[in-house]
């Protein structure tokens, strides 16, 4: 799964740590999501969607091998 979280974070001017605190996870979790090593739960994806004020589909996208 690819994502545009890093871009969305930049638009909102948030660090990984600030975003992590707002959604209740570690900075490492945000880093892992951005690098595509971790797929967030539905709840976490929805929390991120609220913060970024965009649909989950606007920042997460399935790839062929998913």
PDB file of N, CA and C in Angstrom:
ATOM      1  N   UNK A   1       0.854  -1.167   0.000  1.00  0.00           N
ATOM      2  CA  UNK A   1       0.000   0.000   0.000  1.00  0.00           C
ATOM      3  C   UNK A   1       0.898   1.228   0.000  1.00  0.00           C
ATOM      4  N   UNK A   2       0.595   2.152  -0.894  1.00  0.00           N
ATOM      5  CA  UNK A   2       1.357   3.392  -0.858  1.00  0.00           C
ATOM      6  C   UNK A   2       0.495   4.491  -0.247  1.00  0.00           C
ATOM      7  N   UNK A   3       1.158   5.527   0.201  1.00  0.00           N
ATOM      8  CA  UNK A   3       0.415   6.600   0.858  1.00  0.00           C
ATOM      9  C   UNK A   3       1.077   7.945   0.636  1.00  0.00           C
ATOM     10  N   UNK A   4       0.328   8.984   0.919  1.00  0.00           N
ATOM     11  CA  UNK A   4       0.823  10.357   0.788  1.00  0.00           C
ATOM     12  C   UNK A   4       0.857  11.054   2.149  1.00  0.00           C
ATOM     13  N   UNK A   5       1.035  10.263   3.194  1.00  0.00           N
ATOM     14  CA  UNK A   5       1.001  10.844   4.540  1.00  0.00           C
ATOM     15  C   UNK A   5       2.055  11.926   4.747  1.00  0.00           C
ATOM     16  N   UNK A   6       3.248  11.707   4.222  1.00  0.00           N
ATOM     17  CA  UNK A   6       4.311  12.695   4.406  1.00  0.00           C
ATOM     18  C   UNK A   6       3.901  14.032   3.780  1.00  0.00           C
ATOM     19  N   UNK A   7       3.299  13.976   2.605  1.00  0.00           N
ATOM     20  CA  UNK A   7       2.820  15.190   1.935  1.00  0.00           C
ATOM     21  C   UNK A   7       1.706  15.836   2.750  1.00  0.00           C
ATOM     22  N   UNK A   8       0.767  15.021   3.217  1.00  0.00           N
ATOM     23  CA  UNK A   8      -0.341  15.541   4.022  1.00  0.00           C
ATOM     24  C   UNK A   8       0.175  16.190   5.310  1.00  0.00           C
ATOM     25  N   UNK A   9       1.184  15.562   5.919  1.00  0.00           N
ATOM     26  CA  UNK A   9       1.778  16.137   7.137  1.00  0.00           C
ATOM     27  C   UNK A   9       2.394  17.492   6.837  1.00  0.00           C
ATOM     28  N   UNK A  10       3.094  17.586   5.705  1.00  0.00           N
ATOM     29  CA  UNK A  10       3.735  18.848   5.324  1.00  0.00           C
ATOM     30  C   UNK A  10       2.694  19.940   5.087  1.00  0.00           C
ATOM     31  N   UNK A  11       1.589  19.574   4.461  1.00  0.00           N
ATOM     32  CA  UNK A  11       0.519  20.543   4.214  1.00  0.00           C
ATOM     33  C   UNK A  11      -0.010  21.097   5.541  1.00  0.00           C
ATOM     34  N   UNK A  12      -0.139  20.225   6.534  1.00  0.00           N
ATOM     35  CA  UNK A  12      -0.634  20.642   7.857  1.00  0.00           C
ATOM     36  C   UNK A  12       0.487  21.166   8.765  1.00  0.00           C
ATOM     37  N   UNK A  13       1.739  21.134   8.254  1.00  0.00           N
ATOM     38  CA  UNK A  13       2.908  21.589   9.014  1.00  0.00           C
ATOM     39  C   UNK A  13       3.031  20.848  10.350  1.00  0.00           C
ATOM     40  N   UNK A  14       2.934  19.516  10.283  1.00  0.00           N
ATOM     41  CA  UNK A  14       3.044  18.673  11.472  1.00  0.00           C
ATOM     42  C   UNK A  14       4.305  17.811  11.390  1.00  0.00           C
ATOM     43  N   UNK A  15       4.996  17.656  12.506  1.00  0.00           N
ATOM     44  CA  UNK A  15       6.088  16.699  12.570  1.00  0.00           C
ATOM     45  C   UNK A  15       5.501  15.313  12.792  1.00  0.00           C
ATOM     46  N   UNK A  16       6.324  14.294  12.599  1.00  0.00           N
ATOM     47  CA  UNK A  16       5.866  12.938  12.883  1.00  0.00           C
ATOM     48  C   UNK A  16       5.443  12.825  14.338  1.00  0.00           C
ATOM     49  N   UNK A  17       6.202  13.425  15.225  1.00  0.00           N
ATOM     50  CA  UNK A  17       5.888  13.356  16.649  1.00  0.00           C
ATOM     51  C   UNK A  17       4.564  14.046  16.966  1.00  0.00           C
ATOM     52  N   UNK A  18       4.331  15.213  16.394  1.00  0.00           N
ATOM     53  CA  UNK A  18       3.072  15.928  16.639  1.00  0.00           C
ATOM     54  C   UNK A  18       1.877  15.118  16.139  1.00  0.00           C
ATOM     55  N   UNK A  19       2.012  14.545  14.947  1.00  0.00           N
ATOM     56  CA  UNK A  19       0.928  13.731  14.404  1.00  0.00           C
ATOM     57  C   UNK A  19       0.695  12.503  15.272  1.00  0.00           C
ATOM     58  N   UNK A  20       1.768  11.867  15.692  1.00  0.00           N
ATOM     59  CA  UNK A  20       1.661  10.676  16.540  1.00  0.00           C
ATOM     60  C   UNK A  20       0.912  10.997  17.834  1.00  0.00           C
ATOM     61  N   UNK A  21       1.250  12.107  18.457  1.00  0.00           N
ATOM     62  CA  UNK A  21       0.576  12.497  19.697  1.00  0.00           C
ATOM     63  C   UNK A  21      -0.910  12.750  19.464  1.00  0.00           C
ATOM     64  N   UNK A  22      -1.260  13.347  18.337  1.00  0.00           N
ATOM     65  CA  UNK A  22      -2.669  13.663  18.054  1.00  0.00           C
ATOM     66  C   UNK A  22      -3.519  12.417  17.829  1.00  0.00           C
ATOM     67  N   UNK A  23      -2.893  11.351  17.291  1.00  0.00           N
ATOM     68  CA  UNK A  23      -3.674  10.129  17.026  1.00  0.00           C
ATOM     69  C   UNK A  23      -3.417   9.035  18.048  1.00  0.00           C
ATOM     70  N   UNK A  24      -2.498   9.264  18.989  1.00  0.00           N
ATOM     71  CA  UNK A  24      -2.274   8.318  20.080  1.00  0.00           C
ATOM     72  C   UNK A  24      -1.402   7.123  19.737  1.00  0.00           C
ATOM     73  N   UNK A  25      -0.406   7.339  18.874  1.00  0.00           N
ATOM     74  CA  UNK A  25       0.554   6.278  18.555  1.00  0.00           C
ATOM     75  C   UNK A  25       1.966   6.830  18.717  1.00  0.00           C
ATOM     76  N   UNK A  26       2.967   5.980  18.512  1.00  0.00           N
ATOM     77  CA  UNK A  26       4.351   6.439  18.618  1.00  0.00           C
ATOM     78  C   UNK A  26       4.806   7.095  17.316  1.00  0.00           C
ATOM     79  N   UNK A  27       5.844   7.894  17.414  1.00  0.00           N
ATOM     80  CA  UNK A  27       6.440   8.499  16.221  1.00  0.00           C
ATOM     81  C   UNK A  27       6.925   7.415  15.270  1.00  0.00           C
ATOM     82  N   UNK A  28       7.427   6.309  15.839  1.00  0.00           N
ATOM     83  CA  UNK A  28       7.909   5.202  15.018  1.00  0.00           C
ATOM     84  C   UNK A  28       6.782   4.593  14.180  1.00  0.00           C
ATOM     85  N   UNK A  29       5.574   4.563  14.736  1.00  0.00           N
ATOM     86  CA  UNK A  29       4.428   4.045  13.985  1.00  0.00           C
ATOM     87  C   UNK A  29       4.145   4.935  12.779  1.00  0.00           C
ATOM     88  N   UNK A  30       4.163   6.238  12.977  1.00  0.00           N
ATOM     89  CA  UNK A  30       3.943   7.167  11.866  1.00  0.00           C
ATOM     90  C   UNK A  30       5.038   6.981  10.818  1.00  0.00           C
ATOM     91  N   UNK A  31       6.263   6.860  11.266  1.00  0.00           N
ATOM     92  CA  UNK A  31       7.386   6.651  10.353  1.00  0.00           C
ATOM     93  C   UNK A  31       7.198   5.363   9.556  1.00  0.00           C
ATOM     94  N   UNK A  32       6.797   4.304  10.216  1.00  0.00           N
ATOM     95  CA  UNK A  32       6.595   3.012   9.549  1.00  0.00           C
ATOM     96  C   UNK A  32       5.456   3.068   8.536  1.00  0.00           C
ATOM     97  N   UNK A  33       4.401   3.797   8.861  1.00  0.00           N
ATOM     98  CA  UNK A  33       3.297   3.954   7.914  1.00  0.00           C
ATOM     99  C   UNK A  33       3.789   4.711   6.683  1.00  0.00           C
ATOM    100  N   UNK A  34       4.501   5.807   6.902  1.00  0.00           N
ATOM    101  CA  UNK A  34       4.993   6.621   5.789  1.00  0.00           C
ATOM    102  C   UNK A  34       5.923   5.824   4.873  1.00  0.00           C
ATOM    103  N   UNK A  35       6.702   4.937   5.441  1.00  0.00           N
ATOM    104  CA  UNK A  35       7.646   4.135   4.648  1.00  0.00           C
ATOM    105  C   UNK A  35       7.001   2.882   4.061  1.00  0.00           C
ATOM    106  N   UNK A  36       5.718   2.664   4.359  1.00  0.00           N
ATOM    107  CA  UNK A  36       5.009   1.521   3.809  1.00  0.00           C
ATOM    108  C   UNK A  36       5.306   0.199   4.483  1.00  0.00           C
ATOM    109  N   UNK A  37       5.885   0.251   5.682  1.00  0.00           N
ATOM    110  CA  UNK A  37       6.213  -0.971   6.418  1.00  0.00           C
ATOM    111  C   UNK A  37       5.091  -1.413   7.346  1.00  0.00           C
ATOM    112  N   UNK A  38       4.128  -0.543   7.571  1.00  0.00           N
ATOM    113  CA  UNK A  38       3.041  -0.831   8.507  1.00  0.00           C
ATOM    114  C   UNK A  38       1.728  -0.339   7.904  1.00  0.00           C
ATOM    115  N   UNK A  39       0.716  -1.191   7.942  1.00  0.00           N
ATOM    116  CA  UNK A  39      -0.621  -0.822   7.470  1.00  0.00           C
ATOM    117  C   UNK A  39      -1.452  -0.482   8.704  1.00  0.00           C
ATOM    118  N   UNK A  40      -1.960   0.740   8.781  1.00  0.00           N
ATOM    119  CA  UNK A  40      -2.708   1.153   9.973  1.00  0.00           C
ATOM    120  C   UNK A  40      -4.047   0.446  10.084  1.00  0.00           C
ATOM    121  N   UNK A  41      -4.539   0.369  11.306  1.00  0.00           N
ATOM    122  CA  UNK A  41      -5.880  -0.168  11.549  1.00  0.00           C
ATOM    123  C   UNK A  41      -6.901   0.791  10.952  1.00  0.00           C
ATOM    124  N   UNK A  42      -8.104   0.320  10.820  1.00  0.00           N
ATOM    125  CA  UNK A  42      -9.195   1.156  10.319  1.00  0.00           C
ATOM    126  C   UNK A  42      -9.393   2.372  11.213  1.00  0.00           C
ATOM    127  N   UNK A  43      -9.340   2.162  12.514  1.00  0.00           N
ATOM    128  CA  UNK A  43      -9.532   3.266  13.467  1.00  0.00           C
ATOM    129  C   UNK A  43      -8.440   4.317  13.287  1.00  0.00           C
ATOM    130  N   UNK A  44      -7.192   3.875  13.175  1.00  0.00           N
ATOM    131  CA  UNK A  44      -6.091   4.823  13.001  1.00  0.00           C
ATOM    132  C   UNK A  44      -6.221   5.549  11.665  1.00  0.00           C
ATOM    133  N   UNK A  45      -6.577   4.841  10.614  1.00  0.00           N
ATOM    134  CA  UNK A  45      -6.752   5.478   9.303  1.00  0.00           C
ATOM    135  C   UNK A  45      -7.852   6.542   9.360  1.00  0.00           C
ATOM    136  N   UNK A  46      -8.923   6.262  10.076  1.00  0.00           N
ATOM    137  CA  UNK A  46     -10.012   7.236  10.201  1.00  0.00           C
ATOM    138  C   UNK A  46      -9.593   8.450  11.028  1.00  0.00           C
ATOM    139  N   UNK A  47      -8.789   8.225  12.065  1.00  0.00           N
ATOM    140  CA  UNK A  47      -8.274   9.353  12.858  1.00  0.00           C
ATOM    141  C   UNK A  47      -7.395  10.247  11.986  1.00  0.00           C
ATOM    142  N   UNK A  48      -6.540   9.621  11.182  1.00  0.00           N
ATOM    143  CA  UNK A  48      -5.674  10.385  10.283  1.00  0.00           C
ATOM    144  C   UNK A  48      -6.521  11.156   9.270  1.00  0.00           C
ATOM    145  N   UNK A  49      -7.566  10.531   8.782  1.00  0.00           N
ATOM    146  CA  UNK A  49      -8.469  11.173   7.832  1.00  0.00           C
ATOM    147  C   UNK A  49      -9.084  12.433   8.432  1.00  0.00           C
ATOM    148  N   UNK A  50      -9.469  12.364   9.688  1.00  0.00           N
ATOM    149  CA  UNK A  50     -10.038  13.539  10.361  1.00  0.00           C
ATOM    150  C   UNK A  50      -9.016  14.659  10.480  1.00  0.00           C
ATOM    151  N   UNK A  51      -7.800  14.314  10.858  1.00  0.00           N
ATOM    152  CA  UNK A  51      -6.757  15.328  11.025  1.00  0.00           C
ATOM    153  C   UNK A  51      -6.413  15.984   9.693  1.00  0.00           C
ATOM    154  N   UNK A  52      -6.269  15.167   8.647  1.00  0.00           N
ATOM    155  CA  UNK A  52      -5.910  15.697   7.336  1.00  0.00           C
ATOM    156  C   UNK A  52      -7.100  16.312   6.599  1.00  0.00           C
ATOM    157  N   UNK A  53      -8.303  16.064   7.116  1.00  0.00           N
ATOM    158  CA  UNK A  53      -9.532  16.588   6.513  1.00  0.00           C
ATOM    159  C   UNK A  53      -9.690  16.133   5.067  1.00  0.00           C
ATOM    160  N   UNK A  54      -9.346  14.861   4.821  1.00  0.00           N
ATOM    161  CA  UNK A  54      -9.515  14.237   3.508  1.00  0.00           C
ATOM    162  C   UNK A  54      -9.972  12.802   3.712  1.00  0.00           C
ATOM    163  N   UNK A  55     -10.528  12.229   2.670  1.00  0.00           N
ATOM    164  CA  UNK A  55     -10.951  10.836   2.714  1.00  0.00           C
ATOM    165  C   UNK A  55      -9.736   9.919   2.872  1.00  0.00           C
ATOM    166  N   UNK A  56      -9.923   8.798   3.523  1.00  0.00           N
ATOM    167  CA  UNK A  56      -8.847   7.809   3.656  1.00  0.00           C
ATOM    168  C   UNK A  56      -8.294   7.454   2.278  1.00  0.00           C
ATOM    169  N   UNK A  57      -9.174   7.359   1.297  1.00  0.00           N
ATOM    170  CA  UNK A  57      -8.749   7.024  -0.064  1.00  0.00           C
ATOM    171  C   UNK A  57      -7.868   8.096  -0.692  1.00  0.00           C
ATOM    172  N   UNK A  58      -7.877   9.290  -0.140  1.00  0.00           N
ATOM    173  CA  UNK A  58      -7.044  10.363  -0.676  1.00  0.00           C
ATOM    174  C   UNK A  58      -5.583  10.255  -0.244  1.00  0.00           C
ATOM    175  N   UNK A  59      -5.302   9.470   0.785  1.00  0.00           N
ATOM    176  CA  UNK A  59      -3.895   9.338   1.168  1.00  0.00           C
ATOM    177  C   UNK A  59      -3.398   7.902   1.286  1.00  0.00           C
ATOM    178  N   UNK A  60      -4.285   6.917   1.136  1.00  0.00           N
ATOM    179  CA  UNK A  60      -3.861   5.513   1.067  1.00  0.00           C
ATOM    180  C   UNK A  60      -4.346   4.938  -0.254  1.00  0.00           C
ATOM    181  N   UNK A  61      -3.484   4.180  -0.914  1.00  0.00           N
ATOM    182  CA  UNK A  61      -3.841   3.592  -2.201  1.00  0.00           C
ATOM    183  C   UNK A  61      -3.274   2.175  -2.294  1.00  0.00           C
ATOM    184  N   UNK A  62      -4.116   1.249  -2.724  1.00  0.00           N
ATOM    185  CA  UNK A  62      -3.658  -0.124  -2.900  1.00  0.00           C
ATOM    186  C   UNK A  62      -2.739  -0.217  -4.110  1.00  0.00           C
ATOM    187  N   UNK A  63      -1.740  -1.084  -3.990  1.00  0.00           N
ATOM    188  CA  UNK A  63      -0.858  -1.368  -5.111  1.00  0.00           C
ATOM    189  C   UNK A  63      -1.229  -2.732  -5.674  1.00  0.00           C
ATOM    190  N   UNK A  64      -0.705  -3.086  -6.826  1.00  0.00           N
ATOM    191  CA  UNK A  64      -1.051  -4.349  -7.468  1.00  0.00           C
ATOM    192  C   UNK A  64      -0.833  -5.569  -6.580  1.00  0.00           C
ATOM    193  N   UNK A  65       0.233  -5.570  -5.806  1.00  0.00           N
ATOM    194  CA  UNK A  65       0.560  -6.744  -4.991  1.00  0.00           C
ATOM    195  C   UNK A  65      -0.166  -6.793  -3.647  1.00  0.00           C
ATOM    196  N   UNK A  66      -1.053  -5.850  -3.368  1.00  0.00           N
ATOM    197  CA  UNK A  66      -1.780  -5.822  -2.086  1.00  0.00           C
ATOM    198  C   UNK A  66      -2.950  -6.753  -2.099  1.00  0.00           C
TER     199      UNK A  66
END
